[in-house]
Amino acid sequence: MNLQVEFEGDEGQEDAVLAVKARNEAEKIRILSAIAGNSPSRLIDRVAWILNHYPQARDSDVKCQLLYWKTFQQDLYSGGDISIDNYPNLERLPSIARARAFIQNTHGLFIASPEVRRTRGKLEEEEKQRILDARPAHPVYCIYADESGKTSKYLLVGSLWVLRSYDTMKITRAINQRKDELNFKGEMHFKDINNGNLETYLELLGSIVKNSEAVSFKGLAVERRGLKNIDDTLDKLFYHMIIQGIHEENKSGRAVLPRNLQFRKDSEEESKDKLSIMEIELQLKNAAKNIFNDNVYIDIVESEDSSISPLMQIADLFVSSISRVLNKEEGKEGPKDIFAKKFLASFGVSTLNTELDIFGDCVRFS
């Protein structure tokens, strides 16, 4: 009898542990989704967003608090001295510190430097090597990429580059606000553009253009004829697009090195995405060392569901617009053609001819 009671107790403890793990995993997914969508509403989501985009905040709760205020409480604090009248309404340091600790210690996200971890008493031997590879505190290239043309003359990849961290949220907010004003439901998808919603899509394009001070677009295409492996070619196109994009942004002075790099591509099939991401990440890490002399740190390479990311939806509109021009079929100009030309013209890409800009064996846009 006693043995049976003890066994049931052990089972109960195991169930409780599993339940806690499940809750923590669900919470972690919710936090990461809020970051991906650039629309964090809860305190913990907002702190996680700060830790993701500003590595220096991982080591300092005060720095995290100031960035939190400047990002999420702009009406009360924009930098400099703190108003006595506004201070009571600003988020308190203990609340931010608790959220930061939960994000780092429970979920293992956006961890602090080894030195700070030792001070906080959280550095364990088995974690040391992983933490030594922690991201340096450089500005970030935030890249959102998509593909098009798998059954057309040209196979393409295209990407939206956000060169200032805060602008990921600024653009997202502007788009979501305009969607609400226009009563636009769901995702922005190029394939859904028609005569009935063309004006709405052009209105949304206006919001994108208006908030594009720290944005650029990159694209790369190749003729599909003769390609044996489409997926392998897409991985190579993504890689070369990123490398060329880094060179261009650094040379232009818009986003000089050193930089951290976050690359996200629109998700398709889970197994295929994993292989693609592994290959792209490996090649980018080699390039960071051998081409950019460790002045690029590969922070994130992952697939992302466009349904939670307006920025990924913009990448879809861009690459699909390129594809529409390059792969144009004979016939009357329709709403998709109108939108494609308007989108590309808004960002300085001439569509006077279908050749656009030739680069070696590829068609290149930037």
Protein backbone atom coordinates (compact mmCIF):
# COMPACT_ATOMS: atom_id res chain seq x y z
CA MET A 1 0.00 0.00 0.00
CA ASN A 2 2.74 2.44 0.94
CA LEU A 3 4.64 1.67 -2.26
CA GLN A 4 1.52 2.31 -4.32
CA VAL A 5 0.93 5.70 -2.64
CA GLU A 6 4.56 6.70 -3.20
CA PHE A 7 4.37 5.71 -6.88
CA GLU A 8 1.20 7.76 -7.41
CA GLY A 9 2.91 10.69 -5.75
CA ASP A 10 5.86 10.44 -8.13
CA GLU A 11 3.47 10.30 -11.07
CA GLY A 12 1.73 13.39 -9.80
CA GLN A 13 5.02 15.25 -9.51
CA GLU A 14 6.00 14.24 -13.03
CA ASP A 15 2.66 15.43 -14.39
CA ALA A 16 3.09 18.74 -12.59
CA VAL A 17 6.60 19.19 -14.03
CA LEU A 18 5.35 18.36 -17.53
CA ALA A 19 2.49 20.81 -17.15
CA VAL A 20 4.90 23.59 -16.13
CA LYS A 21 7.15 22.79 -19.08
CA ALA A 22 4.19 22.90 -21.44
CA ARG A 23 3.04 26.27 -20.06
CA ASN A 24 6.56 27.69 -20.35
CA GLU A 25 6.91 26.45 -23.92
CA ALA A 26 3.54 27.96 -24.85
CA GLU A 27 4.57 31.24 -23.25
CA LYS A 28 7.90 31.20 -25.08
CA ILE A 29 6.11 30.71 -28.40
CA ARG A 30 3.73 33.55 -27.58
CA ILE A 31 6.65 35.87 -26.78
CA LEU A 32 8.49 34.98 -30.00
CA SER A 33 5.30 35.48 -32.03
CA ALA A 34 4.84 38.94 -30.51
CA ILE A 35 8.42 39.84 -31.46
CA ALA A 36 7.99 38.48 -34.99
CA GLY A 37 4.81 40.47 -35.45
CA ASN A 38 6.47 43.65 -34.13
CA SER A 39 3.34 44.40 -32.15
CA PRO A 40 4.07 43.46 -28.52
CA SER A 41 1.29 44.46 -26.15
CA ARG A 42 2.17 42.76 -22.84
CA LEU A 43 5.01 43.96 -20.63
CA ILE A 44 6.96 40.71 -21.06
CA ASP A 45 6.57 40.83 -24.86
CA ARG A 46 7.79 44.41 -24.96
CA VAL A 47 10.81 43.68 -22.79
CA ALA A 48 11.62 40.71 -25.02
CA TRP A 49 11.37 42.96 -28.09
CA ILE A 50 13.86 45.36 -26.52
CA LEU A 51 16.25 42.52 -25.61
CA ASN A 52 16.04 41.15 -29.14
CA HIS A 53 16.77 44.43 -30.90
CA TYR A 54 19.13 46.07 -28.39
CA PRO A 55 21.78 43.63 -27.11
CA GLN A 56 23.14 46.19 -24.62
CA ALA A 57 19.84 45.96 -22.74
CA ARG A 58 20.54 42.30 -21.95
CA ASP A 59 23.27 43.30 -19.52
CA SER A 60 21.64 46.35 -17.92
CA ASP A 61 18.16 46.65 -16.48
CA VAL A 62 18.50 50.44 -16.40
CA LYS A 63 19.40 50.50 -20.10
CA CYS A 64 16.49 48.17 -20.78
CA GLN A 65 14.17 50.48 -18.84
CA LEU A 66 15.27 53.61 -20.73
CA LEU A 67 14.86 51.87 -24.09
CA TYR A 68 11.46 50.57 -22.96
CA TRP A 69 10.33 54.10 -22.10
CA LYS A 70 11.62 55.59 -25.36
CA THR A 71 10.02 52.83 -27.43
CA PHE A 72 6.71 52.16 -25.73
CA GLN A 73 6.06 55.29 -23.68
CA GLN A 74 7.18 58.01 -26.07
CA ASP A 75 4.45 60.34 -24.87
CA LEU A 76 6.06 60.34 -21.43
CA TYR A 77 9.78 60.02 -22.21
CA SER A 78 11.80 60.80 -25.33
CA GLY A 79 15.28 60.86 -23.77
CA GLY A 80 17.25 63.16 -21.50
CA ASP A 81 15.86 64.29 -18.16
CA ILE A 82 12.77 62.64 -16.72
CA SER A 83 9.78 64.84 -15.96
CA ILE A 84 8.64 64.64 -12.34
CA ASP A 85 5.03 64.75 -13.54
CA ASN A 86 5.55 61.86 -15.98
CA TYR A 87 7.70 59.63 -13.79
CA PRO A 88 4.83 58.04 -11.79
CA ASN A 89 3.31 56.78 -15.04
CA LEU A 90 6.49 55.25 -16.45
CA GLU A 91 7.06 51.50 -16.16
CA ARG A 92 8.91 50.67 -12.94
CA LEU A 93 12.37 49.12 -12.93
CA PRO A 94 11.45 46.09 -10.76
CA SER A 95 8.70 45.10 -13.22
CA ILE A 96 11.06 45.36 -16.19
CA ALA A 97 13.84 43.52 -14.32
CA ARG A 98 11.48 40.66 -13.39
CA ALA A 99 10.34 40.32 -16.99
CA ARG A 100 13.94 40.40 -18.22
CA ALA A 101 14.97 37.71 -15.73
CA PHE A 102 12.05 35.47 -16.69
CA ILE A 103 12.84 35.83 -20.40
CA GLN A 104 16.53 35.07 -19.92
CA ASN A 105 16.49 32.52 -17.11
CA THR A 106 13.30 30.56 -17.73
CA HIS A 107 13.10 30.73 -21.52
CA GLY A 108 16.83 31.03 -22.29
CA LEU A 109 16.19 33.90 -24.71
CA PHE A 110 18.45 36.90 -25.36
CA ILE A 111 20.94 35.96 -22.66
CA ALA A 112 23.38 38.40 -21.07
CA SER A 113 27.15 38.43 -21.49
CA PRO A 114 29.24 35.90 -19.50
CA GLU A 115 30.52 38.57 -17.12
CA VAL A 116 27.05 39.79 -16.22
CA ARG A 117 25.77 36.23 -15.95
CA ARG A 118 28.48 35.49 -13.40
CA THR A 119 27.51 38.59 -11.42
CA ARG A 120 23.89 37.48 -11.49
CA GLY A 121 24.91 33.97 -10.42
CA LYS A 122 23.30 32.33 -13.43
CA LEU A 123 26.30 31.08 -15.39
CA GLU A 124 26.55 27.29 -15.37
CA GLU A 125 29.48 25.33 -16.74
CA GLU A 126 27.55 23.64 -19.51
CA GLU A 127 26.34 27.04 -20.78
CA LYS A 128 29.69 28.78 -21.00
CA GLN A 129 30.51 27.99 -24.59
CA ARG A 130 27.05 28.91 -25.79
CA ILE A 131 27.15 32.22 -23.97
CA LEU A 132 30.62 33.07 -25.24
CA ASP A 133 29.01 33.15 -28.68
CA ALA A 134 26.42 35.69 -27.54
CA ARG A 135 25.58 38.41 -30.03
CA PRO A 136 27.73 41.58 -29.85
CA ALA A 137 26.02 44.93 -29.37
CA HIS A 138 26.03 46.11 -32.99
CA PRO A 139 23.14 47.65 -34.94
CA VAL A 140 20.98 45.15 -36.81
CA TYR A 141 20.15 44.33 -40.42
CA CYS A 142 16.56 43.00 -40.20
CA ILE A 143 15.91 41.13 -43.45
CA TYR A 144 12.54 39.68 -44.50
CA ALA A 145 12.68 37.57 -47.67
CA ASP A 146 10.40 35.71 -50.04
CA GLU A 147 10.58 33.97 -53.41
CA SER A 148 8.60 33.79 -56.64
CA GLY A 149 8.63 32.41 -60.18
CA LYS A 150 8.94 28.67 -59.59
CA THR A 151 6.95 27.97 -62.74
CA SER A 152 7.87 31.09 -64.75
CA LYS A 153 10.74 32.19 -66.98
CA TYR A 154 12.58 33.86 -64.09
CA LEU A 155 13.12 32.46 -60.62
CA LEU A 156 13.40 35.25 -58.06
CA VAL A 157 14.11 36.10 -54.46
CA GLY A 158 13.39 39.48 -52.93
CA SER A 159 13.80 41.05 -49.53
CA LEU A 160 12.89 43.99 -47.35
CA TRP A 161 15.80 45.36 -45.30
CA VAL A 162 15.02 47.41 -42.19
CA LEU A 163 18.18 49.20 -41.11
CA ARG A 164 17.03 50.60 -37.76
CA SER A 165 15.53 48.29 -35.18
CA TYR A 166 12.75 50.61 -34.07
CA ASP A 167 11.51 51.00 -37.64
CA THR A 168 10.34 47.37 -37.68
CA MET A 169 7.74 48.39 -35.12
CA LYS A 170 7.09 51.79 -36.68
CA ILE A 171 6.25 50.29 -40.07
CA THR A 172 4.17 47.51 -38.52
CA ARG A 173 2.14 49.99 -36.49
CA ALA A 174 1.56 52.22 -39.51
CA ILE A 175 0.36 49.32 -41.65
CA ASN A 176 -1.92 47.90 -38.96
CA GLN A 177 -3.40 51.34 -38.31
CA ARG A 178 -4.06 51.89 -42.01
CA LYS A 179 -5.60 48.41 -42.26
CA ASP A 180 -8.00 49.30 -39.46
CA GLU A 181 -8.91 52.60 -41.15
CA LEU A 182 -9.56 50.79 -44.43
CA ASN A 183 -11.33 47.87 -42.71
CA PHE A 184 -8.81 45.55 -44.35
CA LYS A 185 -8.88 42.07 -42.86
CA GLY A 186 -6.18 39.41 -43.05
CA GLU A 187 -2.82 39.42 -44.82
CA MET A 188 -1.52 41.52 -47.68
CA HIS A 189 -0.89 39.08 -50.53
CA PHE A 190 0.00 40.04 -54.08
CA LYS A 191 -1.98 37.11 -55.45
CA ASP A 192 -5.14 38.53 -53.86
CA ILE A 193 -4.96 41.91 -55.66
CA ASN A 194 -7.93 42.46 -57.98
CA ASN A 195 -10.06 45.27 -59.40
CA GLY A 196 -12.15 45.33 -56.25
CA ASN A 197 -9.29 45.94 -53.81
CA LEU A 198 -6.59 47.61 -55.95
CA GLU A 199 -7.22 51.06 -54.46
CA THR A 200 -7.01 49.60 -50.95
CA TYR A 201 -3.65 48.00 -51.73
CA LEU A 202 -2.39 51.28 -53.18
CA GLU A 203 -3.46 53.03 -49.96
CA LEU A 204 -1.49 50.47 -47.95
CA LEU A 205 1.48 51.01 -50.26
CA GLY A 206 1.28 54.70 -49.39
CA SER A 207 1.69 53.85 -45.70
CA ILE A 208 4.71 51.69 -46.48
CA VAL A 209 6.35 54.45 -48.53
CA LYS A 210 5.62 57.08 -45.88
CA ASN A 211 7.46 55.04 -43.24
CA SER A 212 10.39 53.83 -45.33
CA GLU A 213 13.20 56.16 -44.22
CA ALA A 214 15.30 53.25 -42.96
CA VAL A 215 14.19 50.67 -45.52
CA SER A 216 15.70 49.22 -48.68
CA PHE A 217 14.75 46.40 -51.03
CA LYS A 218 17.03 43.80 -52.58
CA GLY A 219 16.25 41.24 -55.22
CA LEU A 220 18.00 38.66 -57.33
CA ALA A 221 16.72 36.57 -60.23
CA VAL A 222 17.95 33.97 -62.67
CA GLU A 223 16.43 32.27 -65.69
CA ARG A 224 14.74 29.06 -64.58
CA ARG A 225 15.52 27.21 -67.81
CA GLY A 226 18.17 24.54 -67.29
CA LEU A 227 18.02 24.56 -63.49
CA LYS A 228 18.06 21.04 -62.06
CA ASN A 229 17.22 21.83 -58.44
CA ILE A 230 14.92 24.80 -57.81
CA ASP A 231 15.15 24.69 -54.01
CA ASP A 232 18.94 24.57 -54.07
CA THR A 233 19.01 27.50 -56.49
CA LEU A 234 16.72 29.52 -54.22
CA ASP A 235 19.04 28.96 -51.26
CA LYS A 236 21.97 30.22 -53.35
CA LEU A 237 19.99 33.23 -54.52
CA PHE A 238 19.05 34.12 -50.93
CA TYR A 239 22.70 33.83 -49.91
CA HIS A 240 24.09 35.95 -52.75
CA MET A 241 21.35 38.55 -52.33
CA ILE A 242 22.34 38.99 -48.69
CA ILE A 243 26.07 39.20 -49.42
CA GLN A 244 25.55 41.78 -52.18
CA GLY A 245 23.13 43.68 -49.97
CA ILE A 246 25.64 43.94 -47.12
CA HIS A 247 28.32 45.21 -49.50
CA GLU A 248 25.92 47.82 -50.90
CA GLU A 249 24.65 49.09 -47.55
CA ASN A 250 28.16 49.29 -46.12
CA LYS A 251 29.61 51.03 -49.19
CA SER A 252 26.74 53.52 -49.40
CA GLY A 253 27.14 54.51 -45.75
CA ARG A 254 23.48 53.84 -45.01
CA ALA A 255 24.25 50.91 -42.71
CA VAL A 256 27.97 50.50 -42.20
CA LEU A 257 29.65 47.51 -40.60
CA PRO A 258 29.96 46.05 -38.02
CA ARG A 259 26.38 44.77 -37.86
CA ASN A 260 24.32 41.93 -36.51
CA LEU A 261 22.19 40.19 -39.10
CA GLN A 262 18.71 38.76 -38.69
CA PHE A 263 17.40 36.91 -41.73
CA ARG A 264 13.87 35.57 -41.97
CA LYS A 265 12.28 33.90 -44.99
CA ASP A 266 8.64 33.15 -45.53
CA SER A 267 7.82 29.67 -44.26
CA GLU A 268 6.51 26.94 -46.57
CA GLU A 269 6.90 23.29 -45.58
CA GLU A 270 8.47 22.58 -42.19
CA SER A 271 10.97 19.92 -43.28
CA LYS A 272 12.05 21.84 -46.37
CA ASP A 273 12.33 25.07 -44.38
CA LYS A 274 14.65 23.43 -41.85
CA LEU A 275 17.04 22.20 -44.52
CA SER A 276 16.99 25.52 -46.32
CA ILE A 277 17.62 27.52 -43.14
CA MET A 278 20.49 25.23 -42.09
CA GLU A 279 22.16 25.66 -45.47
CA ILE A 280 21.72 29.44 -45.64
CA GLU A 281 22.92 29.89 -42.04
CA LEU A 282 26.04 27.80 -42.64
CA GLN A 283 26.96 29.78 -45.75
CA LEU A 284 26.30 33.12 -44.06
CA LYS A 285 28.46 32.24 -41.08
CA ASN A 286 31.30 31.28 -43.42
CA ALA A 287 30.87 34.57 -45.27
CA ALA A 288 30.78 36.56 -42.04
CA LYS A 289 34.23 35.23 -41.17
CA ASN A 290 35.89 34.92 -44.57
CA ILE A 291 34.35 37.81 -46.50
CA PHE A 292 33.47 40.35 -43.81
CA ASN A 293 36.27 39.60 -41.31
CA ASP A 294 33.82 38.97 -38.45
CA ASN A 295 32.25 42.41 -38.91
CA VAL A 296 28.92 40.70 -39.54
CA TYR A 297 27.46 38.57 -36.75
CA ILE A 298 24.82 36.07 -37.88
CA ASP A 299 22.26 36.38 -35.11
CA ILE A 300 19.04 34.85 -36.48
CA VAL A 301 18.34 32.74 -39.56
CA GLU A 302 14.85 31.30 -39.51
CA SER A 303 11.60 30.82 -41.38
CA GLU A 304 8.62 32.90 -40.33
CA ASP A 305 4.89 32.65 -40.97
CA SER A 306 3.81 35.69 -42.99
CA SER A 307 0.43 35.69 -41.23
CA ILE A 308 2.05 37.16 -38.10
CA SER A 309 4.48 39.46 -39.89
CA PRO A 310 3.37 42.48 -41.95
CA LEU A 311 7.03 42.97 -42.87
CA MET A 312 7.11 39.52 -44.47
CA GLN A 313 3.95 40.49 -46.34
CA ILE A 314 5.77 43.55 -47.71
CA ALA A 315 8.55 41.23 -48.91
CA ASP A 316 5.88 39.20 -50.73
CA LEU A 317 4.50 42.34 -52.39
CA PHE A 318 8.00 43.33 -53.52
CA VAL A 319 9.22 40.04 -54.94
CA SER A 320 5.84 39.38 -56.56
CA SER A 321 5.96 42.83 -58.16
CA ILE A 322 9.37 42.02 -59.64
CA SER A 323 8.06 38.69 -60.88
CA ARG A 324 5.01 40.33 -62.42
CA VAL A 325 7.20 42.67 -64.49
CA LEU A 326 9.81 40.09 -65.50
CA ASN A 327 7.37 37.25 -66.14
CA LYS A 328 4.65 39.37 -67.76
CA GLU A 329 2.46 37.44 -70.15
CA GLU A 330 0.90 38.93 -73.25
CA GLY A 331 -2.46 40.55 -72.75
CA LYS A 332 -4.25 43.52 -71.25
CA GLU A 333 -2.72 45.22 -68.21
CA GLY A 334 -4.58 44.23 -65.07
CA PRO A 335 -4.69 45.37 -61.41
CA LYS A 336 -1.65 43.28 -60.45
CA ASP A 337 0.38 44.92 -63.24
CA ILE A 338 -0.71 48.38 -62.09
CA PHE A 339 0.21 47.65 -58.48
CA ALA A 340 3.56 46.04 -59.40
CA LYS A 341 4.70 49.05 -61.42
CA LYS A 342 3.50 51.48 -58.76
CA PHE A 343 5.26 49.55 -55.99
CA LEU A 344 8.59 49.34 -57.82
CA ALA A 345 8.45 52.95 -59.00
CA SER A 346 7.79 54.08 -55.42
CA PHE A 347 11.18 52.68 -54.45
CA GLY A 348 13.16 53.79 -57.49
CA VAL A 349 13.04 50.66 -59.67
CA SER A 350 12.39 51.55 -63.31
CA THR A 351 9.91 49.33 -65.12
CA LEU A 352 10.28 50.87 -68.58
CA ASN A 353 11.54 47.54 -69.91
CA THR A 354 11.46 43.97 -68.71
CA GLU A 355 15.26 43.70 -68.54
CA LEU A 356 15.43 46.14 -65.60
CA ASP A 357 19.04 45.88 -64.40
CA ILE A 358 21.31 43.06 -65.58
CA PHE A 359 23.97 41.70 -63.26
CA GLY A 360 26.05 38.88 -64.74
CA ASP A 361 23.72 35.94 -65.38
CA CYS A 362 21.20 37.31 -62.89
CA VAL A 363 18.75 40.16 -62.85
CA ARG A 364 19.50 42.33 -59.87
CA PHE A 365 17.54 45.01 -58.03
CA SER A 366 18.49 47.19 -55.07
